[in-house]
Amino acid sequence: PEGAAIRRLPIYQNGKQVLRNYCAFWRKDRSSHAIEEFAGIL
């Protein structure tokens, strides 16, 4: 939640909200079942 003293406003540019990509990253040479399972859950 924002809290009583803070407002959270969407940021727009050229009439559209600014979007970003978020990813999970890991090294291919160190991939493991645990890493893949956690990324899938998230």
All heavy atoms as atom14 arrays in JSON, in Angstrom:
{
  "sequence": "PEGAAIRRLPIYQNGKQVLRNYCAFWRKDRSSHAIEEFAGIL",
  "atom14_mask": [
    [1, 1, 1, 1, 1, 1, 1, 0, 0, 0, 0, 0, 0, 0],
    [1, 1, 1, 1, 1, 1, 1, 1, 1, 0, 0, 0, 0, 0],
    [1, 1, 1, 1, 0, 0, 0, 0, 0, 0, 0, 0, 0, 0],
    [1, 1, 1, 1, 1, 0, 0, 0, 0, 0, 0, 0, 0, 0],
    [1, 1, 1, 1, 1, 0, 0, 0, 0, 0, 0, 0, 0, 0],
    [1, 1, 1, 1, 1, 1, 1, 1, 0, 0, 0, 0, 0, 0],
    [1, 1, 1, 1, 1, 1, 1, 1, 1, 1, 1, 0, 0, 0],
    [1, 1, 1, 1, 1, 1, 1, 1, 1, 1, 1, 0, 0, 0],
    [1, 1, 1, 1, 1, 1, 1, 1, 0, 0, 0, 0, 0, 0],
    [1, 1, 1, 1, 1, 1, 1, 0, 0, 0, 0, 0, 0, 0],
    [1, 1, 1, 1, 1, 1, 1, 1, 0, 0, 0, 0, 0, 0],
    [1, 1, 1, 1, 1, 1, 1, 1, 1, 1, 1, 1, 0, 0],
    [1, 1, 1, 1, 1, 1, 1, 1, 1, 0, 0, 0, 0, 0],
    [1, 1, 1, 1, 1, 1, 1, 1, 0, 0, 0, 0, 0, 0],
    [1, 1, 1, 1, 0, 0, 0, 0, 0, 0, 0, 0, 0, 0],
    [1, 1, 1, 1, 1, 1, 1, 1, 1, 0, 0, 0, 0, 0],
    [1, 1, 1, 1, 1, 1, 1, 1, 1, 0, 0, 0, 0, 0],
    [1, 1, 1, 1, 1, 1, 1, 0, 0, 0, 0, 0, 0, 0],
    [1, 1, 1, 1, 1, 1, 1, 1, 0, 0, 0, 0, 0, 0],
    [1, 1, 1, 1, 1, 1, 1, 1, 1, 1, 1, 0, 0, 0],
    [1, 1, 1, 1, 1, 1, 1, 1, 0, 0, 0, 0, 0, 0],
    [1, 1, 1, 1, 1, 1, 1, 1, 1, 1, 1, 1, 0, 0],
    [1, 1, 1, 1, 1, 1, 0, 0, 0, 0, 0, 0, 0, 0],
    [1, 1, 1, 1, 1, 0, 0, 0, 0, 0, 0, 0, 0, 0],
    [1, 1, 1, 1, 1, 1, 1, 1, 1, 1, 1, 0, 0, 0],
    [1, 1, 1, 1, 1, 1, 1, 1, 1, 1, 1, 1, 1, 1],
    [1, 1, 1, 1, 1, 1, 1, 1, 1, 1, 1, 0, 0, 0],
    [1, 1, 1, 1, 1, 1, 1, 1, 1, 0, 0, 0, 0, 0],
    [1, 1, 1, 1, 1, 1, 1, 1, 0, 0, 0, 0, 0, 0],
    [1, 1, 1, 1, 1, 1, 1, 1, 1, 1, 1, 0, 0, 0],
    [1, 1, 1, 1, 1, 1, 0, 0, 0, 0, 0, 0, 0, 0],
    [1, 1, 1, 1, 1, 1, 0, 0, 0, 0, 0, 0, 0, 0],
    [1, 1, 1, 1, 1, 1, 1, 1, 1, 1, 0, 0, 0, 0],
    [1, 1, 1, 1, 1, 0, 0, 0, 0, 0, 0, 0, 0, 0],
    [1, 1, 1, 1, 1, 1, 1, 1, 0, 0, 0, 0, 0, 0],
    [1, 1, 1, 1, 1, 1, 1, 1, 1, 0, 0, 0, 0, 0],
    [1, 1, 1, 1, 1, 1, 1, 1, 1, 0, 0, 0, 0, 0],
    [1, 1, 1, 1, 1, 1, 1, 1, 1, 1, 1, 0, 0, 0],
    [1, 1, 1, 1, 1, 0, 0, 0, 0, 0, 0, 0, 0, 0],
    [1, 1, 1, 1, 0, 0, 0, 0, 0, 0, 0, 0, 0, 0],
    [1, 1, 1, 1, 1, 1, 1, 1, 0, 0, 0, 0, 0, 0],
    [1, 1, 1, 1, 1, 1, 1, 1, 0, 0, 0, 0, 0, 0]
  ],
  "atom14_positions": [
    [[0.83, -1.22, 0.0], [0.0, 0.0, 0.0], [0.86, 1.26, 0.0], [1.98, 1.27, 0.53], [-0.81, -0.13, 1.29], [-0.8, -1.6, 1.61], [0.52, -2.11, 1.13], [0.0, 0.0, 0.0], [0.0, 0.0, 0.0], [0.0, 0.0, 0.0], [0.0, 0.0, 0.0], [0.0, 0.0, 0.0], [0.0, 0.0, 0.0], [0.0, 0.0, 0.0]],
    [[0.31, 2.32, -0.59], [1.07, 3.57, -0.71], [1.34, 4.22, 0.64], [2.39, 4.83, 0.83], [0.28, 4.56, -1.57], [0.04, 4.07, -2.99], [-1.08, 4.83, -3.66], [-2.25, 4.5, -3.42], [-0.76, 5.76, -4.44], [0.0, 0.0, 0.0], [0.0, 0.0, 0.0], [0.0, 0.0, 0.0], [0.0, 0.0, 0.0], [0.0, 0.0, 0.0]],
    [[0.43, 4.12, 1.58], [0.58, 4.84, 2.83], [-0.14, 6.17, 2.76], [-0.44, 6.69, 1.68], [0.0, 0.0, 0.0], [0.0, 0.0, 0.0], [0.0, 0.0, 0.0], [0.0, 0.0, 0.0], [0.0, 0.0, 0.0], [0.0, 0.0, 0.0], [0.0, 0.0, 0.0], [0.0, 0.0, 0.0], [0.0, 0.0, 0.0], [0.0, 0.0, 0.0]],
    [[-0.38, 6.76, 3.93], [-1.19, 7.98, 4.0], [-0.51, 9.18, 3.37], [-1.18, 10.11, 2.91], [-1.53, 8.28, 5.46], [0.0, 0.0, 0.0], [0.0, 0.0, 0.0], [0.0, 0.0, 0.0], [0.0, 0.0, 0.0], [0.0, 0.0, 0.0], [0.0, 0.0, 0.0], [0.0, 0.0, 0.0], [0.0, 0.0, 0.0], [0.0, 0.0, 0.0]],
    [[0.83, 9.2, 3.31], [1.54, 10.41, 2.86], [2.11, 10.28, 1.46], [2.82, 11.18, 1.0], [2.67, 10.73, 3.85], [0.0, 0.0, 0.0], [0.0, 0.0, 0.0], [0.0, 0.0, 0.0], [0.0, 0.0, 0.0], [0.0, 0.0, 0.0], [0.0, 0.0, 0.0], [0.0, 0.0, 0.0], [0.0, 0.0, 0.0], [0.0, 0.0, 0.0]],
    [[1.82, 9.17, 0.75], [2.42, 8.93, -0.57], [1.33, 8.58, -1.57], [0.4, 7.84, -1.27], [3.46, 7.79, -0.49], [4.66, 8.2, 0.37], [3.94, 7.41, -1.89], [5.69, 7.1, 0.54], [0.0, 0.0, 0.0], [0.0, 0.0, 0.0], [0.0, 0.0, 0.0], [0.0, 0.0, 0.0], [0.0, 0.0, 0.0], [0.0, 0.0, 0.0]],
    [[1.43, 9.16, -2.79], [0.59, 8.78, -3.92], [1.45, 8.1, -4.97], [2.57, 8.53, -5.24], [-0.09, 10.0, -4.55], [-1.29, 10.54, -3.82], [-2.51, 9.63, -3.86], [-2.83, 9.13, -5.18], [-3.48, 9.84, -6.13], [-3.85, 11.1, -5.89], [-3.74, 9.31, -7.3], [0.0, 0.0, 0.0], [0.0, 0.0, 0.0], [0.0, 0.0, 0.0]],
    [[0.91, 7.05, -5.57], [1.61, 6.31, -6.61], [0.86, 6.51, -7.93], [-0.27, 6.05, -8.09], [1.68, 4.84, -6.23], [2.49, 3.97, -7.21], [2.44, 2.51, -6.77], [3.09, 2.33, -5.48], [2.63, 1.53, -4.51], [1.5, 0.86, -4.69], [3.27, 1.43, -3.37], [0.0, 0.0, 0.0], [0.0, 0.0, 0.0], [0.0, 0.0, 0.0]],
    [[1.48, 7.21, -8.87], [0.82, 7.57, -10.13], [1.5, 6.86, -11.3], [2.74, 6.81, -11.38], [0.9, 9.08, -10.38], [0.33, 9.99, -9.29], [0.55, 11.44, -9.68], [-1.13, 9.7, -9.05], [0.0, 0.0, 0.0], [0.0, 0.0, 0.0], [0.0, 0.0, 0.0], [0.0, 0.0, 0.0], [0.0, 0.0, 0.0], [0.0, 0.0, 0.0]],
    [[0.71, 6.32, -12.24], [1.31, 5.72, -13.44], [2.01, 6.78, -14.29], [1.5, 7.89, -14.44], [0.11, 5.1, -14.16], [-1.07, 5.85, -13.66], [-0.76, 6.23, -12.25], [0.0, 0.0, 0.0], [0.0, 0.0, 0.0], [0.0, 0.0, 0.0], [0.0, 0.0, 0.0], [0.0, 0.0, 0.0], [0.0, 0.0, 0.0], [0.0, 0.0, 0.0]],
    [[3.16, 6.43, -14.82], [3.92, 7.36, -15.66], [3.59, 7.1, -17.12], [3.69, 5.97, -17.6], [5.44, 7.19, -15.42], [5.78, 7.43, -13.95], [6.23, 8.13, -16.32], [7.23, 7.13, -13.61], [0.0, 0.0, 0.0], [0.0, 0.0, 0.0], [0.0, 0.0, 0.0], [0.0, 0.0, 0.0], [0.0, 0.0, 0.0], [0.0, 0.0, 0.0]],
    [[3.21, 8.18, -17.83], [2.83, 8.07, -19.23], [3.81, 8.83, -20.12], [4.41, 9.83, -19.71], [1.42, 8.62, -19.46], [0.33, 7.61, -19.2], [0.11, 7.1, -17.92], [-0.48, 7.15, -20.24], [-0.89, 6.17, -17.69], [-1.49, 6.22, -20.02], [-1.69, 5.73, -18.74], [-2.67, 4.81, -18.52], [0.0, 0.0, 0.0], [0.0, 0.0, 0.0]],
    [[3.93, 8.32, -21.34], [4.7, 9.01, -22.38], [4.02, 8.74, -23.72], [3.71, 7.58, -24.03], [6.15, 8.52, -22.41], [7.03, 9.29, -23.4], [8.47, 8.82, -23.35], [8.74, 7.67, -23.07], [9.41, 9.73, -23.63], [0.0, 0.0, 0.0], [0.0, 0.0, 0.0], [0.0, 0.0, 0.0], [0.0, 0.0, 0.0], [0.0, 0.0, 0.0]],
    [[3.76, 9.79, -24.47], [3.09, 9.67, -25.77], [1.75, 8.94, -25.65], [1.39, 8.12, -26.5], [3.99, 8.95, -26.78], [5.29, 9.69, -27.02], [5.33, 10.92, -27.04], [6.37, 8.94, -27.19], [0.0, 0.0, 0.0], [0.0, 0.0, 0.0], [0.0, 0.0, 0.0], [0.0, 0.0, 0.0], [0.0, 0.0, 0.0], [0.0, 0.0, 0.0]],
    [[1.04, 9.21, -24.57], [-0.3, 8.65, -24.39], [-0.35, 7.23, -23.89], [-1.44, 6.67, -23.73], [0.0, 0.0, 0.0], [0.0, 0.0, 0.0], [0.0, 0.0, 0.0], [0.0, 0.0, 0.0], [0.0, 0.0, 0.0], [0.0, 0.0, 0.0], [0.0, 0.0, 0.0], [0.0, 0.0, 0.0], [0.0, 0.0, 0.0], [0.0, 0.0, 0.0]],
    [[0.79, 6.62, -23.59], [0.82, 5.24, -23.11], [1.67, 5.15, -21.85], [2.63, 5.9, -21.68], [1.39, 4.3, -24.17], [0.56, 4.22, -25.44], [1.18, 3.24, -26.42], [0.35, 3.14, -27.7], [0.96, 2.21, -28.67], [0.0, 0.0, 0.0], [0.0, 0.0, 0.0], [0.0, 0.0, 0.0], [0.0, 0.0, 0.0], [0.0, 0.0, 0.0]],
    [[1.3, 4.2, -20.97], [2.1, 4.01, -19.77], [3.46, 3.43, -20.13], [3.59, 2.55, -20.98], [1.4, 3.09, -18.77], [2.14, 3.02, -17.43], [1.39, 2.22, -16.38], [0.38, 1.59, -16.67], [1.87, 2.25, -15.15], [0.0, 0.0, 0.0], [0.0, 0.0, 0.0], [0.0, 0.0, 0.0], [0.0, 0.0, 0.0], [0.0, 0.0, 0.0]],
    [[4.5, 3.94, -19.49], [5.85, 3.43, -19.68], [5.93, 2.03, -19.09], [5.52, 1.79, -17.95], [6.89, 4.35, -19.01], [8.3, 3.77, -19.16], [6.81, 5.75, -19.6], [0.0, 0.0, 0.0], [0.0, 0.0, 0.0], [0.0, 0.0, 0.0], [0.0, 0.0, 0.0], [0.0, 0.0, 0.0], [0.0, 0.0, 0.0], [0.0, 0.0, 0.0]],
    [[6.46, 1.07, -19.88], [6.54, -0.32, -19.45], [7.99, -0.78, -19.42], [8.83, -0.29, -20.17], [5.74, -1.21, -20.41], [4.24, -0.93, -20.54], [3.64, -1.82, -21.6], [3.54, -1.12, -19.19], [0.0, 0.0, 0.0], [0.0, 0.0, 0.0], [0.0, 0.0, 0.0], [0.0, 0.0, 0.0], [0.0, 0.0, 0.0], [0.0, 0.0, 0.0]],
    [[8.27, -1.74, -18.54], [9.61, -2.32, -18.42], [9.5, -3.83, -18.38], [8.49, -4.39, -17.94], [10.29, -1.84, -17.13], [10.46, -0.34, -16.98], [11.58, 0.2, -17.85], [12.8, -0.56, -17.71], [13.62, -0.52, -16.64], [13.32, 0.27, -15.61], [14.72, -1.23, -16.59], [0.0, 0.0, 0.0], [0.0, 0.0, 0.0], [0.0, 0.0, 0.0]],
    [[10.54, -4.52, -18.82], [10.61, -5.98, -18.76], [11.4, -6.42, -17.53], [12.49, -5.9, -17.27], [11.29, -6.55, -20.01], [10.45, -6.37, -21.25], [9.23, -6.46, -21.2], [11.09, -6.12, -22.38], [0.0, 0.0, 0.0], [0.0, 0.0, 0.0], [0.0, 0.0, 0.0], [0.0, 0.0, 0.0], [0.0, 0.0, 0.0], [0.0, 0.0, 0.0]],
    [[10.84, -7.36, -16.8], [11.54, -7.97, -15.67], [11.72, -9.45, -15.94], [10.82, -10.12, -16.46], [10.77, -7.76, -14.36], [11.21, -6.52, -13.63], [10.9, -5.26, -14.12], [11.98, -6.61, -12.48], [11.32, -4.12, -13.46], [12.4, -5.47, -11.81], [12.07, -4.23, -12.31], [12.5, -3.11, -11.67], [0.0, 0.0, 0.0], [0.0, 0.0, 0.0]],
    [[12.91, -9.95, -15.6], [13.25, -11.35, -15.88], [14.01, -11.96, -14.72], [14.54, -11.25, -13.85], [14.13, -11.45, -17.13], [13.45, -10.72, -18.63], [0.0, 0.0, 0.0], [0.0, 0.0, 0.0], [0.0, 0.0, 0.0], [0.0, 0.0, 0.0], [0.0, 0.0, 0.0], [0.0, 0.0, 0.0], [0.0, 0.0, 0.0], [0.0, 0.0, 0.0]],
    [[14.04, -13.27, -14.72], [14.99, -14.0, -13.89], [16.15, -14.39, -14.81], [15.93, -14.8, -15.95], [14.35, -15.23, -13.27], [0.0, 0.0, 0.0], [0.0, 0.0, 0.0], [0.0, 0.0, 0.0], [0.0, 0.0, 0.0], [0.0, 0.0, 0.0], [0.0, 0.0, 0.0], [0.0, 0.0, 0.0], [0.0, 0.0, 0.0], [0.0, 0.0, 0.0]],
    [[17.35, -14.24, -14.33], [18.53, -14.57, -15.12], [19.41, -15.55, -14.33], [19.57, -15.39, -13.12], [19.37, -13.32, -15.43], [18.64, -12.26, -16.2], [18.03, -11.19, -15.54], [18.57, -12.3, -17.58], [17.37, -10.19, -16.23], [17.91, -11.3, -18.29], [17.31, -10.26, -17.62], [0.0, 0.0, 0.0], [0.0, 0.0, 0.0], [0.0, 0.0, 0.0]],
    [[19.95, -16.54, -15.04], [20.98, -17.38, -14.42], [21.9, -17.91, -15.52], [21.55, -17.94, -16.7], [20.37, -18.51, -13.61], [19.54, -19.53, -14.33], [19.96, -20.7, -14.89], [18.11, -19.5, -14.54], [18.91, -21.39, -15.44], [17.76, -20.68, -15.23], [17.1, -18.59, -14.19], [16.45, -20.98, -15.6], [15.8, -18.88, -14.56], [15.47, -20.05, -15.24]],
    [[23.09, -18.3, -15.1], [24.08, -18.78, -16.06], [23.7, -20.16, -16.56], [23.35, -21.05, -15.79], [25.46, -18.83, -15.41], [26.1, -17.47, -15.23], [27.38, -17.51, -14.42], [28.3, -18.55, -14.85], [29.55, -18.66, -14.4], [30.01, -17.79, -13.52], [30.32, -19.63, -14.82], [0.0, 0.0, 0.0], [0.0, 0.0, 0.0], [0.0, 0.0, 0.0]],
    [[23.77, -20.35, -17.88], [23.42, -21.65, -18.46], [24.34, -22.76, -17.94], [23.88, -23.88, -17.74], [23.5, -21.58, -19.99], [22.35, -20.84, -20.64], [22.45, -20.92, -22.15], [21.24, -20.24, -22.81], [21.34, -20.29, -24.29], [0.0, 0.0, 0.0], [0.0, 0.0, 0.0], [0.0, 0.0, 0.0], [0.0, 0.0, 0.0], [0.0, 0.0, 0.0]],
    [[25.6, -22.42, -17.73], [26.54, -23.47, -17.3], [26.37, -23.83, -15.83], [27.05, -24.73, -15.33], [27.98, -23.05, -17.58], [28.39, -21.79, -16.84], [27.52, -21.14, -16.22], [29.59, -21.44, -16.86], [0.0, 0.0, 0.0], [0.0, 0.0, 0.0], [0.0, 0.0, 0.0], [0.0, 0.0, 0.0], [0.0, 0.0, 0.0], [0.0, 0.0, 0.0]],
    [[25.46, -23.12, -15.12], [25.21, -23.44, -13.72], [23.73, -23.69, -13.45], [23.28, -23.6, -12.31], [25.73, -22.31, -12.82], [27.23, -22.11, -12.92], [27.78, -21.32, -11.77], [29.22, -21.26, -11.81], [29.99, -20.76, -10.85], [29.41, -20.25, -9.77], [31.29, -20.74, -10.95], [0.0, 0.0, 0.0], [0.0, 0.0, 0.0], [0.0, 0.0, 0.0]],
    [[23.0, -23.99, -14.5], [21.58, -24.25, -14.33], [21.36, -25.49, -13.48], [22.18, -26.41, -13.47], [20.92, -24.44, -15.7], [19.52, -24.5, -15.59], [0.0, 0.0, 0.0], [0.0, 0.0, 0.0], [0.0, 0.0, 0.0], [0.0, 0.0, 0.0], [0.0, 0.0, 0.0], [0.0, 0.0, 0.0], [0.0, 0.0, 0.0], [0.0, 0.0, 0.0]],
    [[20.27, -25.51, -12.73], [19.96, -26.65, -11.87], [18.45, -26.75, -11.71], [17.7, -25.83, -12.03], [20.61, -26.48, -10.49], [20.0, -25.43, -9.77], [0.0, 0.0, 0.0], [0.0, 0.0, 0.0], [0.0, 0.0, 0.0], [0.0, 0.0, 0.0], [0.0, 0.0, 0.0], [0.0, 0.0, 0.0], [0.0, 0.0, 0.0], [0.0, 0.0, 0.0]],
    [[18.03, -27.89, -11.2], [16.6, -28.1, -10.96], [16.05, -27.07, -9.98], [14.94, -26.55, -10.15], [16.37, -29.51, -10.44], [14.94, -29.81, -10.1], [13.97, -29.97, -11.06], [14.3, -29.93, -8.9], [12.8, -30.21, -10.48], [12.97, -30.19, -9.18], [0.0, 0.0, 0.0], [0.0, 0.0, 0.0], [0.0, 0.0, 0.0], [0.0, 0.0, 0.0]],
    [[16.83, -26.77, -8.94], [16.36, -25.81, -7.92], [16.14, -24.43, -8.53], [15.14, -23.77, -8.24], [17.37, -25.74, -6.78], [0.0, 0.0, 0.0], [0.0, 0.0, 0.0], [0.0, 0.0, 0.0], [0.0, 0.0, 0.0], [0.0, 0.0, 0.0], [0.0, 0.0, 0.0], [0.0, 0.0, 0.0], [0.0, 0.0, 0.0], [0.0, 0.0, 0.0]],
    [[17.07, -23.97, -9.37], [16.92, -22.67, -10.01], [15.68, -22.63, -10.89], [14.88, -21.7, -10.83], [18.18, -22.33, -10.83], [19.4, -22.14, -9.92], [17.96, -21.08, -11.68], [20.71, -21.96, -10.67], [0.0, 0.0, 0.0], [0.0, 0.0, 0.0], [0.0, 0.0, 0.0], [0.0, 0.0, 0.0], [0.0, 0.0, 0.0], [0.0, 0.0, 0.0]],
    [[15.53, -23.66, -11.72], [14.39, -23.7, -12.64], [13.07, -23.77, -11.88], [12.08, -23.12, -12.27], [14.55, -24.89, -13.57], [15.74, -24.75, -14.52], [16.03, -26.04, -15.28], [15.28, -27.03, -15.07], [17.0, -26.07, -16.05], [0.0, 0.0, 0.0], [0.0, 0.0, 0.0], [0.0, 0.0, 0.0], [0.0, 0.0, 0.0], [0.0, 0.0, 0.0]],
    [[13.02, -24.53, -10.8], [11.8, -24.63, -10.0], [11.44, -23.29, -9.38], [10.28, -22.87, -9.4], [11.98, -25.68, -8.9], [11.74, -27.09, -9.35], [10.27, -27.36, -9.61], [9.46, -27.33, -8.67], [9.92, -27.57, -10.79], [0.0, 0.0, 0.0], [0.0, 0.0, 0.0], [0.0, 0.0, 0.0], [0.0, 0.0, 0.0], [0.0, 0.0, 0.0]],
    [[12.44, -22.61, -8.81], [12.15, -21.33, -8.17], [11.67, -20.31, -9.18], [10.7, -19.58, -8.93], [13.38, -20.8, -7.43], [13.11, -19.51, -6.71], [12.53, -19.53, -5.45], [13.39, -18.28, -7.29], [12.24, -18.34, -4.79], [13.1, -17.1, -6.65], [12.52, -17.13, -5.39], [0.0, 0.0, 0.0], [0.0, 0.0, 0.0], [0.0, 0.0, 0.0]],
    [[12.34, -20.25, -10.34], [11.93, -19.29, -11.37], [10.5, -19.58, -11.84], [9.72, -18.65, -12.07], [12.9, -19.35, -12.55], [0.0, 0.0, 0.0], [0.0, 0.0, 0.0], [0.0, 0.0, 0.0], [0.0, 0.0, 0.0], [0.0, 0.0, 0.0], [0.0, 0.0, 0.0], [0.0, 0.0, 0.0], [0.0, 0.0, 0.0], [0.0, 0.0, 0.0]],
    [[10.15, -20.85, -11.97], [8.8, -21.21, -12.38], [7.75, -20.8, -11.37], [6.68, -20.31, -11.71], [0.0, 0.0, 0.0], [0.0, 0.0, 0.0], [0.0, 0.0, 0.0], [0.0, 0.0, 0.0], [0.0, 0.0, 0.0], [0.0, 0.0, 0.0], [0.0, 0.0, 0.0], [0.0, 0.0, 0.0], [0.0, 0.0, 0.0], [0.0, 0.0, 0.0]],
    [[8.06, -20.99, -10.08], [7.14, -20.58, -9.02], [6.94, -19.07, -9.05], [5.81, -18.57, -8.96], [7.68, -21.02, -7.64], [7.63, -22.54, -7.5], [6.88, -20.36, -6.51], [8.33, -23.07, -6.27], [0.0, 0.0, 0.0], [0.0, 0.0, 0.0], [0.0, 0.0, 0.0], [0.0, 0.0, 0.0], [0.0, 0.0, 0.0], [0.0, 0.0, 0.0]],
    [[8.03, -18.34, -9.19], [7.94, -16.88, -9.17], [7.12, -16.37, -10.35], [6.27, -15.48, -10.19], [9.34, -16.28, -9.19], [9.43, -14.75, -9.11], [8.74, -14.23, -7.86], [10.89, -14.3, -9.14], [0.0, 0.0, 0.0], [0.0, 0.0, 0.0], [0.0, 0.0, 0.0], [0.0, 0.0, 0.0], [0.0, 0.0, 0.0], [0.0, 0.0, 0.0]]
  ]
}
